[in-house]
Amino acid sequence: MSDMPPVRGKLTPNAPLAPLVWFKSGGAAEWLFEPADAHDLASFLAALDPATPVMGLGLGSNMIVRDGGVPGVVIRLGKVFAAVEQIDETTLRCGGGASGILVSSKARDWGIGGIEFLRSIPGTVGGFVRMNGGAYGRETCDILVECEVVLRSGERRVLSNADLGYTYRHSSLPEGAIVVSATFRGFPKPSEDIQAEMDRIAAAREESQPLRSKTGGSTFKNPEGHKAWALVDAAGCRGLRRGDAQVSEKHCNFLLNLGEATSADIEALGEDVRARVKAQSGVELEWEIQRVGVAGK
C-alpha cells in the first residue's frame, strides 16, 4: 500500500493514534491523512484503491482505538475545516473539524439559541453529525439543516437532515463518508441568556463527570426507559477495575484510563460491565463509544 495518491495536505504512514484520542491508548493508523481542503480530500478518495478502508477521526473523545491499530486511512480534519460562519439571523455553517465549544460560543456571540448543548459535548461537527451527538435534552438532529460530505468514492454531496435517518446516537451516514461541513439552525435568543444556559450546562457537567481524566465520555447508550449509569451502579460496577482501566466512581457510565491501561483492558472492562448488568437486570447495554481497529498481538 505504498503507492498512495498524491496530496497537498499531510499524509503520514504508521501514525500513532494514542496521542490523538482521549483514552491515550491504542495502536497506530496505517496512514493518517490531514487534507489541505475539501478538494484535496475528494481527489485523494477518488484516486484511493476502493478496497482501502477509510475512517474519520474528530477529537477522539468517543473512541477506543484497539492496540493493533487501524488499517487503511484515518482522516483528520485540521484548522482549515474549523471555521464557523453566520449565514443568516438563526443559521450557522460550520466546518466538520469545528469543536462543540467553538460552535456554541459563536452561536452565543450572534444571539442564536438552541445550540448551547454542543458546549457540553467534547467532539467535532463531523462526529456530532455522524453520531447524532446530544446532551441535556437536545441532539444534533434538532438543529441540523444539511451537511456536505465527501463520499468514500470521492464524490461530494449535500445531505439533508432527512437523508441521515437519525435515531438515538445513530445516523445512516454512509461508511467511509467524511463530513466536511454542516449547517445548523437555532432561534433568536439574547446572548446573555445563551451564556447563562452554557454556564448551567458546564457546571452540571463538571459536577457529574470526570472531566480531568483519560476517559471516553459516555460508554453505553441509555436503554429505553433506563439510565445506563444507574444500571451499571445497580450491578455493583462503580469503581470496578481491570488493570489500569476503571469504571469511574464519579459517573458509572464513564470508563477511565488510570495510567497505563491498554485498549484491550478498557474494552474488556466494558464487556465485564455489560455482562454484570445483563446478569443483574436482564438489560443488554449497547456501546456508545466507537471501538475501531484490530486487537493487539
Protein backbone atom coordinates (compact mmCIF):
# COMPACT_ATOMS: atom_id res chain seq x y z
CA MET A 1 0.00 0.00 0.00
CA SER A 2 2.95 2.30 -0.52
CA ASP A 3 1.60 3.90 -3.69
CA MET A 4 -0.82 6.39 -2.14
CA PRO A 5 -2.40 9.10 -4.30
CA PRO A 6 -0.63 12.48 -4.32
CA VAL A 7 -1.95 15.01 -1.79
CA ARG A 8 -1.47 18.67 -0.92
CA GLY A 9 -2.16 18.02 2.76
CA LYS A 10 -0.19 15.84 5.16
CA LEU A 11 -0.05 12.06 4.72
CA THR A 12 1.80 10.17 7.46
CA PRO A 13 2.50 6.41 7.44
CA ASN A 14 2.25 4.38 10.67
CA ALA A 15 0.97 7.38 12.68
CA PRO A 16 0.43 6.80 16.42
CA LEU A 17 -3.22 7.45 17.35
CA ALA A 18 -2.95 7.19 21.15
CA PRO A 19 -1.90 10.87 21.49
CA LEU A 20 -4.95 11.89 19.42
CA VAL A 21 -7.63 10.10 21.46
CA TRP A 22 -8.86 10.85 24.97
CA PHE A 23 -8.08 7.41 26.38
CA LYS A 24 -4.41 7.86 25.33
CA SER A 25 -4.22 4.19 24.40
CA GLY A 26 -4.18 2.08 21.26
CA GLY A 27 -2.10 1.50 18.15
CA ALA A 28 -1.17 3.41 15.01
CA ALA A 29 -3.02 4.29 11.82
CA GLU A 30 -1.55 2.61 8.74
CA TRP A 31 -1.92 6.08 7.20
CA LEU A 32 -3.08 9.37 8.72
CA PHE A 33 -4.30 11.97 6.22
CA GLU A 34 -4.85 15.62 7.13
CA PRO A 35 -6.26 17.15 3.93
CA ALA A 36 -5.44 20.69 2.80
CA ASP A 37 -9.12 21.32 1.95
CA ALA A 38 -12.24 19.54 0.70
CA HIS A 39 -10.89 19.35 -2.88
CA ASP A 40 -7.72 17.64 -1.63
CA LEU A 41 -9.85 15.15 0.31
CA ALA A 42 -12.18 14.45 -2.62
CA SER A 43 -9.40 13.89 -5.16
CA PHE A 44 -7.48 11.67 -2.72
CA LEU A 45 -10.51 9.46 -2.03
CA ALA A 46 -11.38 9.27 -5.72
CA ALA A 47 -7.86 8.03 -6.52
CA LEU A 48 -7.51 5.73 -3.49
CA ASP A 49 -7.85 1.98 -4.08
CA PRO A 50 -11.56 1.32 -3.33
CA ALA A 51 -10.57 -1.67 -1.17
CA THR A 52 -8.70 0.57 1.31
CA PRO A 53 -10.77 1.26 4.43
CA VAL A 54 -11.29 4.89 5.44
CA MET A 55 -12.30 6.30 8.83
CA GLY A 56 -12.81 9.84 10.11
CA LEU A 57 -11.25 10.95 13.41
CA GLY A 58 -12.51 14.01 15.28
CA LEU A 59 -11.32 14.89 18.78
CA GLY A 60 -11.10 11.18 19.60
CA SER A 61 -13.25 11.64 22.69
CA ASN A 62 -15.70 8.87 21.95
CA MET A 63 -13.38 6.18 20.71
CA ILE A 64 -11.34 3.15 21.69
CA VAL A 65 -8.54 2.56 19.17
CA ARG A 66 -7.58 -1.08 19.56
CA ASP A 67 -3.96 -1.92 20.34
CA GLY A 68 -3.21 -3.39 16.91
CA GLY A 69 -4.02 -0.06 15.25
CA VAL A 70 -6.27 0.92 12.36
CA PRO A 71 -5.74 -0.47 8.85
CA GLY A 72 -6.19 1.80 5.84
CA VAL A 73 -6.51 5.56 6.10
CA VAL A 74 -7.61 7.64 9.09
CA ILE A 75 -8.72 11.13 8.07
CA ARG A 76 -8.39 14.03 10.47
CA LEU A 77 -9.76 17.45 9.57
CA GLY A 78 -7.45 20.23 10.74
CA LYS A 79 -7.73 24.01 11.24
CA VAL A 80 -8.89 24.71 7.69
CA PHE A 81 -12.07 22.74 8.47
CA ALA A 82 -12.74 24.52 11.78
CA ALA A 83 -14.34 27.74 10.51
CA VAL A 84 -17.79 28.80 11.76
CA GLU A 85 -19.72 31.47 9.84
CA GLN A 86 -23.12 33.07 10.25
CA ILE A 87 -25.38 32.64 7.21
CA ASP A 88 -28.44 34.50 8.50
CA GLU A 89 -30.10 35.52 11.75
CA THR A 90 -30.54 31.96 13.03
CA THR A 91 -28.21 29.83 10.89
CA LEU A 92 -24.53 28.81 11.13
CA ARG A 93 -22.32 26.98 8.68
CA CYS A 94 -19.61 25.04 10.49
CA GLY A 95 -16.59 23.13 9.23
CA GLY A 96 -16.51 19.41 10.00
CA GLY A 97 -13.47 19.96 12.23
CA ALA A 98 -15.03 22.72 14.37
CA SER A 99 -15.40 21.86 18.07
CA GLY A 100 -18.65 21.96 20.02
CA ILE A 101 -17.22 24.70 22.23
CA LEU A 102 -16.38 26.91 19.22
CA VAL A 103 -19.77 26.40 17.55
CA SER A 104 -21.75 27.14 20.72
CA SER A 105 -19.62 30.21 21.52
CA LYS A 106 -20.11 31.68 18.03
CA ALA A 107 -23.84 30.99 18.27
CA ARG A 108 -23.88 32.87 21.58
CA ASP A 109 -21.99 35.83 20.08
CA TRP A 110 -24.55 36.02 17.27
CA GLY A 111 -27.62 35.60 19.50
CA ILE A 112 -28.58 32.18 18.14
CA GLY A 113 -30.19 29.93 20.79
CA GLY A 114 -30.77 26.18 20.77
CA ILE A 115 -27.11 25.34 20.08
CA GLU A 116 -25.96 25.59 23.73
CA PHE A 117 -25.90 21.83 24.31
CA LEU A 118 -22.90 21.46 21.96
CA ARG A 119 -20.89 23.28 24.65
CA SER A 120 -21.00 20.09 26.70
CA ILE A 121 -20.03 17.52 24.08
CA PRO A 122 -16.31 17.02 23.55
CA GLY A 123 -16.18 16.47 19.82
CA THR A 124 -16.27 17.98 16.36
CA VAL A 125 -19.11 18.79 13.99
CA GLY A 126 -18.30 15.74 11.85
CA GLY A 127 -18.67 13.46 14.88
CA PHE A 128 -21.89 15.14 16.03
CA VAL A 129 -23.43 14.68 12.58
CA ARG A 130 -22.40 11.02 12.34
CA MET A 131 -23.39 10.05 15.90
CA ASN A 132 -26.39 12.37 16.34
CA GLY A 133 -24.48 13.73 19.33
CA GLY A 134 -26.67 15.10 22.12
CA ALA A 135 -26.84 16.17 25.73
CA TYR A 136 -29.16 17.95 28.15
CA GLY A 137 -32.32 17.16 26.21
CA ARG A 138 -31.18 18.22 22.72
CA GLU A 139 -29.44 16.38 19.91
CA THR A 140 -27.86 17.16 16.55
CA CYS A 141 -30.97 16.18 14.58
CA ASP A 142 -32.83 19.08 16.30
CA ILE A 143 -30.52 21.69 14.74
CA LEU A 144 -29.06 20.17 11.55
CA VAL A 145 -30.38 21.57 8.27
CA GLU A 146 -27.94 19.80 5.95
CA CYS A 147 -24.34 18.71 5.72
CA GLU A 148 -21.76 18.45 2.98
CA VAL A 149 -19.93 15.15 2.79
CA VAL A 150 -17.21 13.60 0.71
CA LEU A 151 -18.27 10.02 0.00
CA ARG A 152 -15.76 7.15 0.02
CA SER A 153 -15.78 7.35 -3.80
CA GLY A 154 -14.57 10.95 -3.67
CA GLU A 155 -17.96 12.29 -4.74
CA ARG A 156 -19.09 15.44 -2.90
CA ARG A 157 -22.72 15.50 -1.87
CA VAL A 158 -25.09 17.58 0.23
CA LEU A 159 -27.31 15.51 2.54
CA SER A 160 -30.39 16.90 4.28
CA ASN A 161 -31.40 16.10 7.85
CA ALA A 162 -33.99 13.63 6.47
CA ASP A 163 -31.32 11.87 4.36
CA LEU A 164 -29.41 10.93 7.52
CA GLY A 165 -32.14 8.70 9.02
CA TYR A 166 -31.44 9.94 12.54
CA THR A 167 -32.21 7.86 15.61
CA TYR A 168 -30.68 7.90 19.11
CA ARG A 169 -26.87 8.27 18.72
CA HIS A 170 -27.06 6.97 15.17
CA SER A 171 -27.23 8.16 11.57
CA SER A 172 -27.26 6.34 8.26
CA LEU A 173 -24.28 8.35 7.00
CA PRO A 174 -22.55 6.01 4.53
CA GLU A 175 -19.45 4.07 5.63
CA GLY A 176 -16.25 5.99 4.85
CA ALA A 177 -18.08 9.28 4.21
CA ILE A 178 -16.41 12.34 5.76
CA VAL A 179 -18.49 15.34 6.88
CA VAL A 180 -16.70 18.48 5.66
CA SER A 181 -19.32 20.99 6.82
CA ALA A 182 -22.76 21.24 8.41
CA THR A 183 -25.45 23.90 8.57
CA PHE A 184 -27.17 24.31 11.95
CA ARG A 185 -30.29 26.36 12.65
CA GLY A 186 -31.32 27.72 16.05
CA PHE A 187 -33.63 30.57 17.07
CA PRO A 188 -33.12 34.18 18.15
CA LYS A 189 -32.17 34.46 21.83
CA PRO A 190 -30.31 37.15 23.80
CA SER A 191 -26.58 36.38 24.12
CA GLU A 192 -26.63 36.74 27.91
CA ASP A 193 -29.41 34.13 28.21
CA ILE A 194 -27.39 31.78 26.00
CA GLN A 195 -24.30 32.32 28.16
CA ALA A 196 -26.33 31.59 31.31
CA GLU A 197 -27.55 28.31 29.79
CA MET A 198 -23.99 27.38 28.73
CA ASP A 199 -22.74 28.13 32.26
CA ARG A 200 -25.50 25.94 33.71
CA ILE A 201 -24.58 23.07 31.38
CA ALA A 202 -20.85 23.43 32.11
CA ALA A 203 -21.48 23.39 35.87
CA ALA A 204 -23.77 20.35 35.66
CA ARG A 205 -21.14 18.51 33.64
CA GLU A 206 -18.30 19.48 35.98
CA GLU A 207 -20.30 18.19 38.92
CA SER A 208 -21.30 14.85 37.41
CA GLN A 209 -18.50 13.84 35.04
CA PRO A 210 -14.79 13.02 35.43
CA LEU A 211 -13.50 15.79 33.17
CA ARG A 212 -9.82 15.87 34.10
CA SER A 213 -9.19 12.23 33.32
CA LYS A 214 -8.25 10.00 30.42
CA THR A 215 -11.78 8.92 29.58
CA GLY A 216 -14.04 8.34 26.60
CA GLY A 217 -17.26 10.09 27.52
CA SER A 218 -20.50 8.13 27.86
CA THR A 219 -19.63 4.46 27.42
CA PHE A 220 -23.09 2.94 26.92
CA LYS A 221 -26.29 4.20 25.33
CA ASN A 222 -29.23 4.77 27.64
CA PRO A 223 -31.57 1.79 27.05
CA GLU A 224 -35.28 2.55 26.54
CA GLY A 225 -36.72 3.55 29.91
CA HIS A 226 -33.39 3.38 31.78
CA LYS A 227 -30.28 5.40 32.56
CA ALA A 228 -27.14 3.44 31.71
CA TRP A 229 -25.22 4.76 34.74
CA ALA A 230 -27.95 3.59 37.16
CA LEU A 231 -27.92 0.05 35.71
CA VAL A 232 -24.11 -0.05 35.96
CA ASP A 233 -24.27 1.16 39.56
CA ALA A 234 -27.01 -1.33 40.49
CA ALA A 235 -24.86 -4.16 39.09
CA GLY A 236 -22.11 -3.20 41.55
CA CYS A 237 -19.69 -1.92 38.93
CA ARG A 238 -18.87 1.53 40.35
CA GLY A 239 -15.07 1.62 40.68
CA LEU A 240 -14.64 -1.81 39.03
CA ARG A 241 -11.13 -2.30 37.64
CA ARG A 242 -9.24 -4.35 35.11
CA GLY A 243 -5.56 -3.43 35.07
CA ASP A 244 -5.37 0.36 34.87
CA ALA A 245 -8.88 0.61 33.39
CA GLN A 246 -11.59 1.61 35.87
CA VAL A 247 -15.29 2.38 35.93
CA SER A 248 -15.44 5.98 37.19
CA GLU A 249 -16.55 6.34 40.82
CA LYS A 250 -17.97 9.76 39.97
CA HIS A 251 -20.09 8.72 36.99
CA CYS A 252 -20.55 5.00 36.37
CA ASN A 253 -21.14 5.41 32.63
CA PHE A 254 -17.56 6.63 32.17
CA LEU A 255 -14.50 4.40 31.88
CA LEU A 256 -11.09 5.76 32.90
CA ASN A 257 -7.51 5.01 31.98
CA LEU A 258 -5.79 5.46 35.35
CA GLY A 259 -2.33 5.31 33.78
CA GLU A 260 -1.05 2.58 31.54
CA ALA A 261 -4.28 0.79 30.56
CA THR A 262 -4.23 -0.84 27.14
CA SER A 263 -7.23 -0.50 24.88
CA ALA A 264 -7.78 -4.24 25.46
CA ASP A 265 -8.09 -3.55 29.21
CA ILE A 266 -10.60 -0.75 28.61
CA GLU A 267 -12.72 -2.72 26.16
CA ALA A 268 -12.66 -5.87 28.32
CA LEU A 269 -13.74 -3.82 31.33
CA GLY A 270 -16.68 -2.52 29.28
CA GLU A 271 -17.60 -6.09 28.37
CA ASP A 272 -17.36 -7.08 32.07
CA VAL A 273 -19.80 -4.30 32.88
CA ARG A 274 -22.18 -5.38 30.10
CA ALA A 275 -22.15 -8.97 31.40
CA ARG A 276 -22.80 -7.91 35.01
CA VAL A 277 -25.63 -5.57 34.02
CA LYS A 278 -27.21 -8.32 31.88
CA ALA A 279 -26.99 -10.76 34.78
CA GLN A 280 -28.35 -8.27 37.31
CA SER A 281 -31.14 -6.54 35.37
CA GLY A 282 -31.57 -8.51 32.14
CA VAL A 283 -30.80 -5.36 30.14
CA GLU A 284 -28.34 -5.63 27.25
CA LEU A 285 -26.26 -2.41 27.28
CA GLU A 286 -25.12 -1.17 23.87
CA TRP A 287 -21.76 0.55 23.42
CA GLU A 288 -21.97 4.26 22.67
CA ILE A 289 -18.18 4.56 22.34
CA GLN A 290 -16.86 3.54 18.95
CA ARG A 291 -14.35 0.69 19.05
CA VAL A 292 -12.14 0.66 15.97
CA GLY A 293 -9.12 -1.12 14.57
CA VAL A 294 -7.67 -4.53 15.27
CA ALA A 295 -6.80 -6.25 18.55
CA GLY A 296 -3.14 -6.26 19.59
CA LYS A 297 -0.99 -9.33 19.16
